[in-house]
Each structure stands twice: as C-alpha cells, then as structure tokens.
Amino acid sequence: MTEDEFKQTVENLLTIQSNNDHNFNVIQRRLDSIQQQLNDLNDLKEMFRLPKPENKNRKPFEEVDE
C-alpha cells in the first residue's frame, strides 16, 4: 500500500465515521420525537379514561339533603 492509498483509506474511514455520526444524530432526534408523541398520547389516554382505574370499584357517594 502506498502512502497515497493509505491517506485515501484514512480519509474514507473518517468520512464513513462522520456519516455514521450524522445518521446517529438524525435517528436519535427521530426517536426523541416518537417518544414525545408516545408520552403525549399516554397523557391523552389518561385524561379521557373513564373511570379512572383507582375509582373503578369505589362505592357511590351518599346523597346529602340540605
């Protein structure tokens, strides 16, 4: 392997590493976005869940005459 071939190989490896880093960042941002969407959907699910699980078997309120 000549010195120029070695330099080109190292340059190619650095380019590959840079591309990998960039792709990792893109994928991480997408995963973060998906996680936020899941959290939002779970919040909505909780908000609209009727009855709440902890109140499912609760005794009804007694009527109070005023």
PDB file of N, CA and C in Angstrom:
ATOM      1  N   MET A   1       0.854  -1.171   0.000  1.00  0.00           N
ATOM      2  CA  MET A   1       0.000   0.000   0.000  1.00  0.00           C
ATOM      3  C   MET A   1       0.901   1.235   0.000  1.00  0.00           C
ATOM      4  N   THR A   2       0.620   2.117  -0.900  1.00  0.00           N
ATOM      5  CA  THR A   2       1.432   3.338  -0.985  1.00  0.00           C
ATOM      6  C   THR A   2       0.930   4.355   0.041  1.00  0.00           C
ATOM      7  N   GLU A   3       1.706   5.374   0.223  1.00  0.00           N
ATOM      8  CA  GLU A   3       1.319   6.423   1.173  1.00  0.00           C
ATOM      9  C   GLU A   3       0.027   7.112   0.732  1.00  0.00           C
ATOM     10  N   ASP A   4      -0.122   7.352  -0.556  1.00  0.00           N
ATOM     11  CA  ASP A   4      -1.347   7.991  -1.061  1.00  0.00           C
ATOM     12  C   ASP A   4      -2.565   7.092  -0.852  1.00  0.00           C
ATOM     13  N   GLU A   5      -2.382   5.795  -1.067  1.00  0.00           N
ATOM     14  CA  GLU A   5      -3.503   4.866  -0.827  1.00  0.00           C
ATOM     15  C   GLU A   5      -3.878   4.845   0.649  1.00  0.00           C
ATOM     16  N   PHE A   6      -2.867   4.881   1.499  1.00  0.00           N
ATOM     17  CA  PHE A   6      -3.119   4.910   2.934  1.00  0.00           C
ATOM     18  C   PHE A   6      -3.873   6.182   3.324  1.00  0.00           C
ATOM     19  N   LYS A   7      -3.424   7.314   2.818  1.00  0.00           N
ATOM     20  CA  LYS A   7      -4.100   8.583   3.104  1.00  0.00           C
ATOM     21  C   LYS A   7      -5.550   8.548   2.627  1.00  0.00           C
ATOM     22  N   GLN A   8      -5.764   7.996   1.446  1.00  0.00           N
ATOM     23  CA  GLN A   8      -7.127   7.908   0.910  1.00  0.00           C
ATOM     24  C   GLN A   8      -7.989   6.979   1.767  1.00  0.00           C
ATOM     25  N   THR A   9      -7.402   5.901   2.229  1.00  0.00           N
ATOM     26  CA  THR A   9      -8.128   4.963   3.087  1.00  0.00           C
ATOM     27  C   THR A   9      -8.522   5.629   4.403  1.00  0.00           C
ATOM     28  N   VAL A  10      -7.591   6.338   4.996  1.00  0.00           N
ATOM     29  CA  VAL A  10      -7.880   7.046   6.250  1.00  0.00           C
ATOM     30  C   VAL A  10      -8.947   8.106   6.021  1.00  0.00           C
ATOM     31  N   GLU A  11      -8.851   8.820   4.936  1.00  0.00           N
ATOM     32  CA  GLU A  11      -9.859   9.840   4.607  1.00  0.00           C
ATOM     33  C   GLU A  11     -11.244   9.198   4.435  1.00  0.00           C
ATOM     34  N   ASN A  12     -11.275   8.060   3.761  1.00  0.00           N
ATOM     35  CA  ASN A  12     -12.545   7.347   3.588  1.00  0.00           C
ATOM     36  C   ASN A  12     -13.119   6.884   4.924  1.00  0.00           C
ATOM     37  N   LEU A  13     -12.258   6.383   5.792  1.00  0.00           N
ATOM     38  CA  LEU A  13     -12.713   5.957   7.120  1.00  0.00           C
ATOM     39  C   LEU A  13     -13.276   7.134   7.918  1.00  0.00           C
ATOM     40  N   LEU A  14     -12.610   8.263   7.837  1.00  0.00           N
ATOM     41  CA  LEU A  14     -13.098   9.450   8.546  1.00  0.00           C
ATOM     42  C   LEU A  14     -14.434   9.928   7.971  1.00  0.00           C
ATOM     43  N   THR A  15     -14.584   9.824   6.666  1.00  0.00           N
ATOM     44  CA  THR A  15     -15.853  10.198   6.039  1.00  0.00           C
ATOM     45  C   THR A  15     -16.965   9.259   6.487  1.00  0.00           C
ATOM     46  N   ILE A  16     -16.659   7.974   6.527  1.00  0.00           N
ATOM     47  CA  ILE A  16     -17.646   6.989   6.986  1.00  0.00           C
ATOM     48  C   ILE A  16     -18.044   7.282   8.432  1.00  0.00           C
ATOM     49  N   GLN A  17     -17.057   7.570   9.276  1.00  0.00           N
ATOM     50  CA  GLN A  17     -17.348   7.874  10.679  1.00  0.00           C
ATOM     51  C   GLN A  17     -18.203   9.131  10.799  1.00  0.00           C
ATOM     52  N   SER A  18     -17.910  10.121  10.012  1.00  0.00           N
ATOM     53  CA  SER A  18     -18.703  11.349  10.034  1.00  0.00           C
ATOM     54  C   SER A  18     -20.142  11.071   9.609  1.00  0.00           C
ATOM     55  N   ASN A  19     -20.306  10.261   8.575  1.00  0.00           N
ATOM     56  CA  ASN A  19     -21.646   9.896   8.130  1.00  0.00           C
ATOM     57  C   ASN A  19     -22.384   9.107   9.202  1.00  0.00           C
ATOM     58  N   ASN A  20     -21.675   8.215   9.859  1.00  0.00           N
ATOM     59  CA  ASN A  20     -22.293   7.435  10.939  1.00  0.00           C
ATOM     60  C   ASN A  20     -22.756   8.355  12.074  1.00  0.00           C
ATOM     61  N   ASP A  21     -21.918   9.299  12.433  1.00  0.00           N
ATOM     62  CA  ASP A  21     -22.278  10.242  13.494  1.00  0.00           C
ATOM     63  C   ASP A  21     -23.503  11.058  13.099  1.00  0.00           C
ATOM     64  N   HIS A  22     -23.510  11.522  11.869  1.00  0.00           N
ATOM     65  CA  HIS A  22     -24.650  12.303  11.391  1.00  0.00           C
ATOM     66  C   HIS A  22     -25.924  11.461  11.410  1.00  0.00           C
ATOM     67  N   ASN A  23     -25.838  10.251  10.888  1.00  0.00           N
ATOM     68  CA  ASN A  23     -27.016   9.374  10.860  1.00  0.00           C
ATOM     69  C   ASN A  23     -27.497   9.032  12.261  1.00  0.00           C
ATOM     70  N   PHE A  24     -26.566   8.821  13.173  1.00  0.00           N
ATOM     71  CA  PHE A  24     -26.949   8.562  14.552  1.00  0.00           C
ATOM     72  C   PHE A  24     -27.733   9.738  15.120  1.00  0.00           C
ATOM     73  N   ASN A  25     -27.271  10.950  14.862  1.00  0.00           N
ATOM     74  CA  ASN A  25     -27.964  12.141  15.365  1.00  0.00           C
ATOM     75  C   ASN A  25     -29.358  12.263  14.760  1.00  0.00           C
ATOM     76  N   VAL A  26     -29.488  11.975  13.481  1.00  0.00           N
ATOM     77  CA  VAL A  26     -30.805  12.026  12.836  1.00  0.00           C
ATOM     78  C   VAL A  26     -31.740  10.998  13.471  1.00  0.00           C
ATOM     79  N   ILE A  27     -31.250   9.794  13.641  1.00  0.00           N
ATOM     80  CA  ILE A  27     -32.070   8.732  14.233  1.00  0.00           C
ATOM     81  C   ILE A  27     -32.428   9.079  15.676  1.00  0.00           C
ATOM     82  N   GLN A  28     -31.497   9.630  16.428  1.00  0.00           N
ATOM     83  CA  GLN A  28     -31.778   9.991  17.816  1.00  0.00           C
ATOM     84  C   GLN A  28     -32.855  11.064  17.907  1.00  0.00           C
ATOM     85  N   ARG A  29     -32.800  12.064  17.025  1.00  0.00           N
ATOM     86  CA  ARG A  29     -33.839  13.100  17.024  1.00  0.00           C
ATOM     87  C   ARG A  29     -35.201  12.499  16.700  1.00  0.00           C
ATOM     88  N   ARG A  30     -35.227  11.580  15.745  1.00  0.00           N
ATOM     89  CA  ARG A  30     -36.499  10.932  15.397  1.00  0.00           C
ATOM     90  C   ARG A  30     -37.029  10.097  16.553  1.00  0.00           C
ATOM     91  N   LEU A  31     -36.138   9.380  17.217  1.00  0.00           N
ATOM     92  CA  LEU A  31     -36.564   8.596  18.377  1.00  0.00           C
ATOM     93  C   LEU A  31     -37.089   9.498  19.492  1.00  0.00           C
ATOM     94  N   ASP A  32     -36.426  10.598  19.718  1.00  0.00           N
ATOM     95  CA  ASP A  32     -36.888  11.548  20.733  1.00  0.00           C
ATOM     96  C   ASP A  32     -38.274  12.075  20.382  1.00  0.00           C
ATOM     97  N   SER A  33     -38.485  12.361  19.110  1.00  0.00           N
ATOM     98  CA  SER A  33     -39.785  12.845  18.664  1.00  0.00           C
ATOM     99  C   SER A  33     -40.870  11.783  18.861  1.00  0.00           C
ATOM    100  N   ILE A  34     -40.547  10.560  18.511  1.00  0.00           N
ATOM    101  CA  ILE A  34     -41.510   9.468  18.690  1.00  0.00           C
ATOM    102  C   ILE A  34     -41.811   9.263  20.168  1.00  0.00           C
ATOM    103  N   GLN A  35     -40.797   9.343  21.013  1.00  0.00           N
ATOM    104  CA  GLN A  35     -41.017   9.191  22.447  1.00  0.00           C
ATOM    105  C   GLN A  35     -41.922  10.302  22.974  1.00  0.00           C
ATOM    106  N   GLN A  36     -41.729  11.514  22.509  1.00  0.00           N
ATOM    107  CA  GLN A  36     -42.587  12.616  22.939  1.00  0.00           C
ATOM    108  C   GLN A  36     -44.025  12.394  22.490  1.00  0.00           C
ATOM    109  N   GLN A  37     -44.198  11.906  21.272  1.00  0.00           N
ATOM    110  CA  GLN A  37     -45.547  11.611  20.781  1.00  0.00           C
ATOM    111  C   GLN A  37     -46.206  10.526  21.616  1.00  0.00           C
ATOM    112  N   LEU A  38     -45.443   9.512  21.982  1.00  0.00           N
ATOM    113  CA  LEU A  38     -45.986   8.458  22.840  1.00  0.00           C
ATOM    114  C   LEU A  38     -46.392   9.009  24.202  1.00  0.00           C
ATOM    115  N   ASN A  39     -45.547   9.859  24.753  1.00  0.00           N
ATOM    116  CA  ASN A  39     -45.882  10.470  26.042  1.00  0.00           C
ATOM    117  C   ASN A  39     -47.154  11.305  25.937  1.00  0.00           C
ATOM    118  N   ASP A  40     -47.276  12.063  24.855  1.00  0.00           N
ATOM    119  CA  ASP A  40     -48.475  12.881  24.661  1.00  0.00           C
ATOM    120  C   ASP A  40     -49.718  12.010  24.522  1.00  0.00           C
ATOM    121  N   LEU A  41     -49.594  10.928  23.764  1.00  0.00           N
ATOM    122  CA  LEU A  41     -50.732  10.026  23.597  1.00  0.00           C
ATOM    123  C   LEU A  41     -51.110   9.352  24.916  1.00  0.00           C
ATOM    124  N   ASN A  42     -50.125   8.990  25.696  1.00  0.00           N
ATOM    125  CA  ASN A  42     -50.419   8.399  27.004  1.00  0.00           C
ATOM    126  C   ASN A  42     -51.105   9.405  27.924  1.00  0.00           C
ATOM    127  N   ASP A  43     -50.690  10.656  27.844  1.00  0.00           N
ATOM    128  CA  ASP A  43     -51.356  11.695  28.630  1.00  0.00           C
ATOM    129  C   ASP A  43     -52.816  11.829  28.207  1.00  0.00           C
ATOM    130  N   LEU A  44     -53.052  11.825  26.903  1.00  0.00           N
ATOM    131  CA  LEU A  44     -54.433  11.905  26.419  1.00  0.00           C
ATOM    132  C   LEU A  44     -55.248  10.703  26.859  1.00  0.00           C
ATOM    133  N   LYS A  45     -54.645   9.540  26.781  1.00  0.00           N
ATOM    134  CA  LYS A  45     -55.338   8.324  27.195  1.00  0.00           C
ATOM    135  C   LYS A  45     -55.742   8.425  28.665  1.00  0.00           C
ATOM    136  N   GLU A  46     -54.842   8.901  29.492  1.00  0.00           N
ATOM    137  CA  GLU A  46     -55.158   9.070  30.909  1.00  0.00           C
ATOM    138  C   GLU A  46     -56.247  10.113  31.121  1.00  0.00           C
ATOM    139  N   MET A  47     -56.169  11.177  30.353  1.00  0.00           N
ATOM    140  CA  MET A  47     -57.135  12.258  30.508  1.00  0.00           C
ATOM    141  C   MET A  47     -58.558  11.793  30.195  1.00  0.00           C
ATOM    142  N   PHE A  48     -58.696  10.936  29.201  1.00  0.00           N
ATOM    143  CA  PHE A  48     -60.025  10.525  28.760  1.00  0.00           C
ATOM    144  C   PHE A  48     -60.452   9.165  29.281  1.00  0.00           C
ATOM    145  N   ARG A  49     -59.662   8.562  30.136  1.00  0.00           N
ATOM    146  CA  ARG A  49     -60.018   7.270  30.702  1.00  0.00           C
ATOM    147  C   ARG A  49     -61.123   7.464  31.737  1.00  0.00           C
ATOM    148  N   LEU A  50     -62.239   6.788  31.540  1.00  0.00           N
ATOM    149  CA  LEU A  50     -63.362   6.878  32.470  1.00  0.00           C
ATOM    150  C   LEU A  50     -63.822   5.481  32.819  1.00  0.00           C
ATOM    151  N   PRO A  51     -63.995   5.149  34.016  1.00  0.00           N
ATOM    152  CA  PRO A  51     -63.480   5.858  35.184  1.00  0.00           C
ATOM    153  C   PRO A  51     -61.990   5.608  35.350  1.00  0.00           C
ATOM    154  N   LYS A  52     -61.414   6.388  36.204  1.00  0.00           N
ATOM    155  CA  LYS A  52     -60.006   6.148  36.499  1.00  0.00           C
ATOM    156  C   LYS A  52     -59.889   4.776  37.161  1.00  0.00           C
ATOM    157  N   PRO A  53     -58.837   4.074  36.894  1.00  0.00           N
ATOM    158  CA  PRO A  53     -58.710   2.709  37.450  1.00  0.00           C
ATOM    159  C   PRO A  53     -58.836   2.666  38.972  1.00  0.00           C
ATOM    160  N   GLU A  54     -58.316   3.664  39.656  1.00  0.00           N
ATOM    161  CA  GLU A  54     -58.399   3.635  41.125  1.00  0.00           C
ATOM    162  C   GLU A  54     -59.825   3.881  41.628  1.00  0.00           C
ATOM    163  N   ASN A  55     -60.711   4.416  40.789  1.00  0.00           N
ATOM    164  CA  ASN A  55     -62.098   4.671  41.190  1.00  0.00           C
ATOM    165  C   ASN A  55     -63.079   3.633  40.640  1.00  0.00           C
ATOM    166  N   LYS A  56     -62.570   2.645  39.986  1.00  0.00           N
ATOM    167  CA  LYS A  56     -63.428   1.693  39.284  1.00  0.00           C
ATOM    168  C   LYS A  56     -64.438   1.022  40.222  1.00  0.00           C
ATOM    169  N   ASN A  57     -64.006   0.595  41.382  1.00  0.00           N
ATOM    170  CA  ASN A  57     -64.881  -0.138  42.304  1.00  0.00           C
ATOM    171  C   ASN A  57     -65.269   0.694  43.526  1.00  0.00           C
ATOM    172  N   ARG A  58     -65.175   1.994  43.404  1.00  0.00           N
ATOM    173  CA  ARG A  58     -65.498   2.866  44.528  1.00  0.00           C
ATOM    174  C   ARG A  58     -67.000   2.844  44.804  1.00  0.00           C
ATOM    175  N   LYS A  59     -67.348   2.935  46.071  1.00  0.00           N
ATOM    176  CA  LYS A  59     -68.765   2.996  46.431  1.00  0.00           C
ATOM    177  C   LYS A  59     -69.309   4.353  46.001  1.00  0.00           C
ATOM    178  N   PRO A  60     -70.566   4.392  45.588  1.00  0.00           N
ATOM    179  CA  PRO A  60     -71.143   5.679  45.186  1.00  0.00           C
ATOM    180  C   PRO A  60     -71.254   6.634  46.383  1.00  0.00           C
ATOM    181  N   PHE A  61     -71.292   7.928  46.068  1.00  0.00           N
ATOM    182  CA  PHE A  61     -71.478   8.923  47.122  1.00  0.00           C
ATOM    183  C   PHE A  61     -72.891   8.819  47.683  1.00  0.00           C
ATOM    184  N   GLU A  62     -72.976   9.107  48.954  1.00  0.00           N
ATOM    185  CA  GLU A  62     -74.317   9.159  49.552  1.00  0.00           C
ATOM    186  C   GLU A  62     -74.905  10.536  49.302  1.00  0.00           C
ATOM    187  N   GLU A  63     -76.186  10.567  49.046  1.00  0.00           N
ATOM    188  CA  GLU A  63     -76.840  11.858  48.841  1.00  0.00           C
ATOM    189  C   GLU A  63     -76.986  12.560  50.162  1.00  0.00           C
ATOM    190  N   VAL A  64     -76.783  13.858  50.136  1.00  0.00           N
ATOM    191  CA  VAL A  64     -76.886  14.664  51.350  1.00  0.00           C
ATOM    192  C   VAL A  64     -78.020  15.656  51.132  1.00  0.00           C
ATOM    193  N   ASP A  65     -79.003  15.686  52.060  1.00  0.00           N
ATOM    194  CA  ASP A  65     -80.094  16.652  51.976  1.00  0.00           C
ATOM    195  C   ASP A  65     -79.669  17.913  52.680  1.00  0.00           C
ATOM    196  N   GLU A  66     -79.915  19.022  51.993  1.00  0.00           N
ATOM    197  CA  GLU A  66     -79.551  20.295  52.616  1.00  0.00           C
ATOM    198  C   GLU A  66     -80.774  21.093  52.925  1.00  0.00           C
TER     199      GLU A  66
END
